[in-house]
Structure formats: structure tokens, C-alpha cells
Amino acid sequence: MGSVHEYHMPPPWLGSTHELVIGPDGDNLWVSQQLEDRVLRVSTTGRVVGTIDFPENSGPHGIDKDQRGHVWVTEEFTNALVELDATGKRLARYPLPYPGAGPHGLRIGCDGHTVWWTG
């Protein structure tokens, strides 16, 4: 039988941990925290090994990685998709042409590079 481990994230604790994906390194988890405006990189032991800060009130939510190892995140409150490299450096921000779409969920397609999002 498996086991369950609970890890506490660093403050502030606004109760908005949303999505997670195994990172490009295949080891650490990337976790979106919408109300904290950040994405955390967390080791399998629960230690935070990186913090990627997003603009205030951007609402990072959906998260996935592509075949190149880039991590994609939705900014639900600012209506954009963000592309990060494997270290968390912001490569690009793509504003959506649909006002108020509020990109929520995000997945990379089976081809490894098509970005799908829900609004």
C-alpha cells in the first residue's frame, strides 16, 4: 500500500495552491499558487527549491510542461499564458485576444508542443 505525505508551503498561506506538474528535471514538482501570485518548485521531500514570482493579482493557475522542458502557466486574472524555461525564467507572455477569458486549466497536447487552455 502507498503512503501519503503532507508538506506545508511557505507563507503567505492564502489557501490557493492549485495545480502541479512534475518539472522538466523529472524530479521536482512545480506548484501554482493563485492568490500568492507565484509558482513553487518543490522537491519530493517537500523542500521548496525555487520560487517564481508572478505580477501582483495575475492569478497563476493552470500549469504543464512541453517537450522542450518549458513550463507553461495561465495567468487567470490578467488573461495571459506565460512560458518559462526549466529554471523558471520568464521566456514570453502571451496576452489572449478574448477579453475576460480567464485562462484556467492548461495542458500540452500529445504532440508535445500545442498549448490547450480552458477559460
N, C-alpha and C. Protein backbone atom coordinates (compact mmCIF):
# COMPACT_ATOMS: atom_id res chain seq x y z
N MET A 1 0.84 -1.17 0.00
CA MET A 1 0.00 0.00 0.00
C MET A 1 0.89 1.24 0.00
N GLY A 2 0.46 2.29 -0.69
CA GLY A 2 1.20 3.54 -0.77
C GLY A 2 1.07 4.35 0.50
N SER A 3 1.74 5.47 0.50
CA SER A 3 1.67 6.36 1.66
C SER A 3 1.37 7.78 1.19
N VAL A 4 0.88 8.58 2.08
CA VAL A 4 0.54 9.96 1.80
C VAL A 4 1.42 10.85 2.67
N HIS A 5 2.00 11.88 2.07
CA HIS A 5 2.81 12.84 2.80
C HIS A 5 2.21 14.22 2.60
N GLU A 6 2.11 14.98 3.66
CA GLU A 6 1.62 16.36 3.58
C GLU A 6 2.80 17.29 3.81
N TYR A 7 2.95 18.27 2.91
CA TYR A 7 4.03 19.24 3.03
C TYR A 7 3.42 20.63 3.13
N HIS A 8 3.93 21.42 4.03
CA HIS A 8 3.46 22.79 4.20
C HIS A 8 4.26 23.71 3.29
N MET A 9 3.56 24.57 2.58
CA MET A 9 4.19 25.54 1.71
C MET A 9 4.58 26.77 2.53
N PRO A 10 5.53 27.56 2.03
CA PRO A 10 5.96 28.73 2.79
C PRO A 10 4.88 29.82 2.80
N PRO A 11 4.91 30.69 3.82
CA PRO A 11 3.94 31.78 3.86
C PRO A 11 4.16 32.73 2.68
N PRO A 12 3.18 33.51 2.29
CA PRO A 12 1.87 33.60 2.93
C PRO A 12 1.01 32.39 2.60
N TRP A 13 0.12 32.04 3.50
CA TRP A 13 -0.79 30.91 3.32
C TRP A 13 -2.18 31.43 3.04
N LEU A 14 -2.48 31.61 1.79
CA LEU A 14 -3.78 32.15 1.42
C LEU A 14 -4.72 31.05 0.94
N GLY A 15 -4.26 29.81 1.01
CA GLY A 15 -5.13 28.68 0.67
C GLY A 15 -5.44 28.55 -0.80
N SER A 16 -4.47 28.89 -1.64
CA SER A 16 -4.77 28.85 -3.07
C SER A 16 -3.83 27.98 -3.88
N THR A 17 -3.27 26.96 -3.27
CA THR A 17 -2.46 26.03 -4.04
C THR A 17 -3.39 25.30 -5.00
N HIS A 18 -3.05 25.35 -6.31
CA HIS A 18 -3.99 24.86 -7.30
C HIS A 18 -3.52 23.64 -8.08
N GLU A 19 -2.58 23.82 -8.97
CA GLU A 19 -2.19 22.75 -9.88
C GLU A 19 -0.74 22.37 -9.65
N LEU A 20 -0.39 21.17 -10.11
CA LEU A 20 1.01 20.75 -10.02
C LEU A 20 1.36 19.90 -11.22
N VAL A 21 2.66 19.90 -11.53
CA VAL A 21 3.19 19.10 -12.62
C VAL A 21 4.61 18.68 -12.23
N ILE A 22 5.01 17.51 -12.66
CA ILE A 22 6.41 17.10 -12.49
C ILE A 22 7.23 17.98 -13.41
N GLY A 23 8.25 18.62 -12.86
CA GLY A 23 9.03 19.59 -13.61
C GLY A 23 9.90 18.98 -14.70
N PRO A 24 10.54 19.86 -15.49
CA PRO A 24 11.37 19.40 -16.60
C PRO A 24 12.53 18.51 -16.18
N ASP A 25 12.99 18.65 -14.93
CA ASP A 25 14.09 17.81 -14.47
C ASP A 25 13.62 16.40 -14.10
N GLY A 26 12.29 16.18 -14.11
CA GLY A 26 11.75 14.86 -13.79
C GLY A 26 11.77 14.53 -12.31
N ASP A 27 12.17 15.48 -11.49
CA ASP A 27 12.30 15.22 -10.05
C ASP A 27 11.42 16.15 -9.23
N ASN A 28 11.61 17.45 -9.39
CA ASN A 28 10.87 18.42 -8.59
C ASN A 28 9.46 18.64 -9.14
N LEU A 29 8.55 19.00 -8.25
CA LEU A 29 7.20 19.37 -8.63
C LEU A 29 7.13 20.88 -8.77
N TRP A 30 6.33 21.36 -9.72
CA TRP A 30 6.04 22.78 -9.86
C TRP A 30 4.59 22.93 -9.44
N VAL A 31 4.32 23.86 -8.53
CA VAL A 31 3.00 24.02 -7.93
C VAL A 31 2.55 25.47 -8.11
N SER A 32 1.37 25.67 -8.70
CA SER A 32 0.86 27.04 -8.84
C SER A 32 0.11 27.43 -7.58
N GLN A 33 0.30 28.68 -7.18
CA GLN A 33 -0.39 29.25 -6.03
C GLN A 33 -1.03 30.56 -6.47
N GLN A 34 -2.30 30.47 -6.81
CA GLN A 34 -3.01 31.56 -7.47
C GLN A 34 -3.04 32.85 -6.66
N LEU A 35 -3.49 32.82 -5.43
CA LEU A 35 -3.62 34.05 -4.64
C LEU A 35 -2.28 34.57 -4.14
N GLU A 36 -1.26 33.71 -4.10
CA GLU A 36 0.07 34.14 -3.69
C GLU A 36 0.86 34.70 -4.87
N ASP A 37 0.30 34.59 -6.11
CA ASP A 37 0.96 35.08 -7.33
C ASP A 37 2.36 34.49 -7.48
N ARG A 38 2.41 33.16 -7.36
CA ARG A 38 3.72 32.51 -7.51
C ARG A 38 3.54 31.06 -7.94
N VAL A 39 4.66 30.51 -8.42
CA VAL A 39 4.78 29.09 -8.68
C VAL A 39 5.98 28.62 -7.88
N LEU A 40 5.81 27.53 -7.17
CA LEU A 40 6.89 26.97 -6.36
C LEU A 40 7.46 25.74 -7.03
N ARG A 41 8.76 25.55 -6.91
CA ARG A 41 9.41 24.29 -7.26
C ARG A 41 9.67 23.59 -5.94
N VAL A 42 9.16 22.36 -5.81
CA VAL A 42 9.20 21.64 -4.55
C VAL A 42 9.84 20.27 -4.78
N SER A 43 10.81 19.92 -3.93
CA SER A 43 11.45 18.61 -4.04
C SER A 43 10.50 17.53 -3.54
N THR A 44 10.81 16.30 -3.83
CA THR A 44 9.97 15.18 -3.39
C THR A 44 10.04 14.98 -1.88
N THR A 45 10.92 15.72 -1.21
CA THR A 45 10.96 15.69 0.25
C THR A 45 10.16 16.84 0.85
N GLY A 46 9.55 17.68 -0.01
CA GLY A 46 8.73 18.78 0.46
C GLY A 46 9.47 20.09 0.65
N ARG A 47 10.75 20.12 0.32
CA ARG A 47 11.54 21.34 0.47
C ARG A 47 11.34 22.24 -0.75
N VAL A 48 11.06 23.52 -0.52
CA VAL A 48 10.93 24.47 -1.63
C VAL A 48 12.33 24.78 -2.15
N VAL A 49 12.55 24.48 -3.43
CA VAL A 49 13.87 24.68 -4.04
C VAL A 49 13.87 25.85 -5.02
N GLY A 50 12.72 26.48 -5.21
CA GLY A 50 12.65 27.64 -6.09
C GLY A 50 11.29 28.30 -6.00
N THR A 51 11.28 29.61 -6.18
CA THR A 51 10.04 30.38 -6.20
C THR A 51 10.06 31.26 -7.43
N ILE A 52 9.01 31.19 -8.21
CA ILE A 52 8.86 32.05 -9.38
C ILE A 52 7.72 33.02 -9.08
N ASP A 53 8.07 34.28 -8.90
CA ASP A 53 7.07 35.29 -8.59
C ASP A 53 6.41 35.79 -9.86
N PHE A 54 5.11 35.95 -9.79
CA PHE A 54 4.32 36.50 -10.89
C PHE A 54 3.85 37.89 -10.49
N PRO A 55 3.43 38.70 -11.47
CA PRO A 55 2.94 40.04 -11.13
C PRO A 55 1.77 39.97 -10.16
N GLU A 56 1.64 40.99 -9.33
CA GLU A 56 0.56 41.06 -8.36
C GLU A 56 -0.79 40.95 -9.06
N ASN A 57 -1.66 40.14 -8.46
CA ASN A 57 -3.02 39.91 -8.96
C ASN A 57 -3.07 39.30 -10.37
N SER A 58 -2.07 38.49 -10.71
CA SER A 58 -2.09 37.82 -12.01
C SER A 58 -2.79 36.46 -11.95
N GLY A 59 -2.78 35.82 -10.79
CA GLY A 59 -3.51 34.57 -10.59
C GLY A 59 -2.98 33.37 -11.35
N PRO A 60 -1.69 33.02 -11.20
CA PRO A 60 -1.19 31.82 -11.89
C PRO A 60 -1.98 30.58 -11.46
N HIS A 61 -2.41 29.80 -12.44
CA HIS A 61 -3.28 28.67 -12.11
C HIS A 61 -2.86 27.41 -12.87
N GLY A 62 -3.33 27.24 -14.10
CA GLY A 62 -3.02 26.02 -14.86
C GLY A 62 -1.54 25.93 -15.16
N ILE A 63 -1.01 24.69 -15.20
CA ILE A 63 0.44 24.52 -15.40
C ILE A 63 0.71 23.18 -16.07
N ASP A 64 1.66 23.18 -17.00
CA ASP A 64 2.10 21.95 -17.65
C ASP A 64 3.45 22.22 -18.30
N LYS A 65 4.12 21.19 -18.80
CA LYS A 65 5.41 21.37 -19.47
C LYS A 65 5.34 20.79 -20.87
N ASP A 66 6.13 21.38 -21.76
CA ASP A 66 6.16 20.89 -23.15
C ASP A 66 7.37 19.99 -23.37
N GLN A 67 7.52 19.49 -24.60
CA GLN A 67 8.59 18.54 -24.90
C GLN A 67 9.98 19.17 -24.83
N ARG A 68 10.08 20.49 -24.88
CA ARG A 68 11.37 21.17 -24.76
C ARG A 68 11.77 21.39 -23.32
N GLY A 69 10.84 21.09 -22.38
CA GLY A 69 11.12 21.34 -20.98
C GLY A 69 10.69 22.72 -20.53
N HIS A 70 9.95 23.44 -21.39
CA HIS A 70 9.41 24.73 -20.97
C HIS A 70 8.13 24.49 -20.18
N VAL A 71 7.94 25.32 -19.17
CA VAL A 71 6.76 25.22 -18.32
C VAL A 71 5.81 26.35 -18.71
N TRP A 72 4.54 26.01 -18.89
CA TRP A 72 3.50 26.96 -19.29
C TRP A 72 2.55 27.15 -18.12
N VAL A 73 2.16 28.40 -17.88
CA VAL A 73 1.29 28.74 -16.76
C VAL A 73 0.23 29.72 -17.26
N THR A 74 -1.01 29.53 -16.81
CA THR A 74 -2.03 30.52 -17.11
C THR A 74 -1.98 31.63 -16.07
N GLU A 75 -2.18 32.86 -16.51
CA GLU A 75 -2.42 33.99 -15.61
C GLU A 75 -3.92 34.27 -15.72
N GLU A 76 -4.68 33.65 -14.84
CA GLU A 76 -6.14 33.70 -14.95
C GLU A 76 -6.68 35.12 -14.81
N PHE A 77 -6.13 35.91 -13.90
CA PHE A 77 -6.69 37.23 -13.62
C PHE A 77 -6.25 38.29 -14.62
N THR A 78 -5.13 38.06 -15.33
CA THR A 78 -4.64 39.04 -16.30
C THR A 78 -4.77 38.55 -17.74
N ASN A 79 -5.43 37.39 -17.91
CA ASN A 79 -5.82 36.93 -19.24
C ASN A 79 -4.64 36.65 -20.17
N ALA A 80 -3.68 35.84 -19.70
CA ALA A 80 -2.50 35.57 -20.50
C ALA A 80 -1.97 34.17 -20.21
N LEU A 81 -1.13 33.69 -21.13
CA LEU A 81 -0.36 32.46 -20.95
C LEU A 81 1.10 32.86 -20.84
N VAL A 82 1.84 32.19 -19.96
CA VAL A 82 3.24 32.51 -19.73
C VAL A 82 4.09 31.27 -19.98
N GLU A 83 5.21 31.47 -20.66
CA GLU A 83 6.16 30.40 -20.96
C GLU A 83 7.43 30.65 -20.15
N LEU A 84 7.84 29.64 -19.37
CA LEU A 84 9.03 29.71 -18.54
C LEU A 84 10.04 28.67 -19.00
N ASP A 85 11.33 28.94 -18.79
CA ASP A 85 12.32 27.90 -19.07
C ASP A 85 12.41 26.97 -17.86
N ALA A 86 13.28 25.98 -17.94
CA ALA A 86 13.37 24.95 -16.90
C ALA A 86 13.85 25.49 -15.56
N THR A 87 14.41 26.70 -15.55
CA THR A 87 14.86 27.31 -14.28
C THR A 87 13.81 28.25 -13.70
N GLY A 88 12.74 28.52 -14.46
CA GLY A 88 11.71 29.43 -14.00
C GLY A 88 11.83 30.82 -14.59
N LYS A 89 12.82 31.04 -15.46
CA LYS A 89 12.97 32.34 -16.11
C LYS A 89 11.84 32.54 -17.12
N ARG A 90 11.22 33.71 -17.07
CA ARG A 90 10.12 34.04 -17.99
C ARG A 90 10.67 34.22 -19.40
N LEU A 91 10.19 33.39 -20.33
CA LEU A 91 10.61 33.50 -21.73
C LEU A 91 9.66 34.38 -22.53
N ALA A 92 8.36 34.24 -22.27
CA ALA A 92 7.38 35.01 -23.03
C ALA A 92 6.06 35.06 -22.27
N ARG A 93 5.29 36.08 -22.59
CA ARG A 93 3.93 36.23 -22.06
C ARG A 93 3.03 36.47 -23.25
N TYR A 94 1.96 35.70 -23.36
CA TYR A 94 1.05 35.76 -24.49
C TYR A 94 -0.33 36.23 -24.03
N PRO A 95 -0.64 37.53 -24.19
CA PRO A 95 -1.98 38.00 -23.84
C PRO A 95 -3.00 37.35 -24.76
N LEU A 96 -4.13 36.97 -24.21
CA LEU A 96 -5.17 36.32 -25.02
C LEU A 96 -6.05 37.36 -25.70
N PRO A 97 -6.48 37.09 -26.92
CA PRO A 97 -7.27 38.07 -27.68
C PRO A 97 -8.74 38.12 -27.27
N TYR A 98 -9.12 37.38 -26.26
CA TYR A 98 -10.51 37.32 -25.81
C TYR A 98 -10.63 37.97 -24.44
N PRO A 99 -11.10 39.22 -24.36
CA PRO A 99 -11.20 39.90 -23.06
C PRO A 99 -11.99 39.07 -22.05
N GLY A 100 -11.43 38.97 -20.86
CA GLY A 100 -12.13 38.27 -19.78
C GLY A 100 -12.18 36.76 -19.92
N ALA A 101 -11.36 36.18 -20.79
CA ALA A 101 -11.37 34.72 -20.98
C ALA A 101 -10.99 33.98 -19.70
N GLY A 102 -10.12 34.58 -18.90
CA GLY A 102 -9.73 33.97 -17.63
C GLY A 102 -9.17 32.57 -17.78
N PRO A 103 -8.03 32.41 -18.49
CA PRO A 103 -7.49 31.07 -18.70
C PRO A 103 -7.28 30.33 -17.38
N HIS A 104 -7.85 29.17 -17.29
CA HIS A 104 -7.90 28.42 -16.04
C HIS A 104 -6.99 27.19 -16.15
N GLY A 105 -7.52 26.12 -16.70
CA GLY A 105 -6.74 24.90 -16.88
C GLY A 105 -5.84 25.00 -18.09
N LEU A 106 -4.76 24.23 -18.10
CA LEU A 106 -3.82 24.24 -19.22
C LEU A 106 -3.20 22.86 -19.35
N ARG A 107 -3.10 22.38 -20.58
CA ARG A 107 -2.41 21.12 -20.87
C ARG A 107 -1.66 21.26 -22.18
N ILE A 108 -0.56 20.54 -22.28
CA ILE A 108 0.20 20.46 -23.52
C ILE A 108 -0.32 19.24 -24.28
N GLY A 109 -0.57 19.41 -25.58
CA GLY A 109 -1.13 18.35 -26.40
C GLY A 109 -0.21 17.15 -26.56
N CYS A 110 -0.75 16.10 -27.11
CA CYS A 110 0.00 14.85 -27.31
C CYS A 110 1.21 15.04 -28.24
N ASP A 111 1.18 16.10 -29.05
CA ASP A 111 2.32 16.37 -29.92
C ASP A 111 3.50 16.98 -29.17
N GLY A 112 3.29 17.32 -27.90
CA GLY A 112 4.37 17.84 -27.07
C GLY A 112 4.58 19.34 -27.13
N HIS A 113 3.79 20.03 -27.98
CA HIS A 113 4.01 21.48 -28.06
C HIS A 113 2.75 22.32 -28.20
N THR A 114 1.64 21.75 -28.59
CA THR A 114 0.40 22.53 -28.68
C THR A 114 -0.14 22.82 -27.30
N VAL A 115 -0.42 24.10 -27.03
CA VAL A 115 -0.94 24.52 -25.73
C VAL A 115 -2.46 24.59 -25.79
N TRP A 116 -3.12 23.86 -24.91
CA TRP A 116 -4.57 23.88 -24.78
C TRP A 116 -4.91 24.53 -23.45
N TRP A 117 -5.91 25.40 -23.44
CA TRP A 117 -6.32 26.03 -22.20
C TRP A 117 -7.83 26.17 -22.16
N THR A 118 -8.36 26.22 -20.93
CA THR A 118 -9.80 26.44 -20.76
C THR A 118 -9.99 27.82 -20.14
N GLY A 119 -11.11 28.45 -20.49
CA GLY A 119 -11.39 29.79 -19.98
C GLY A 119 -12.69 29.80 -19.22
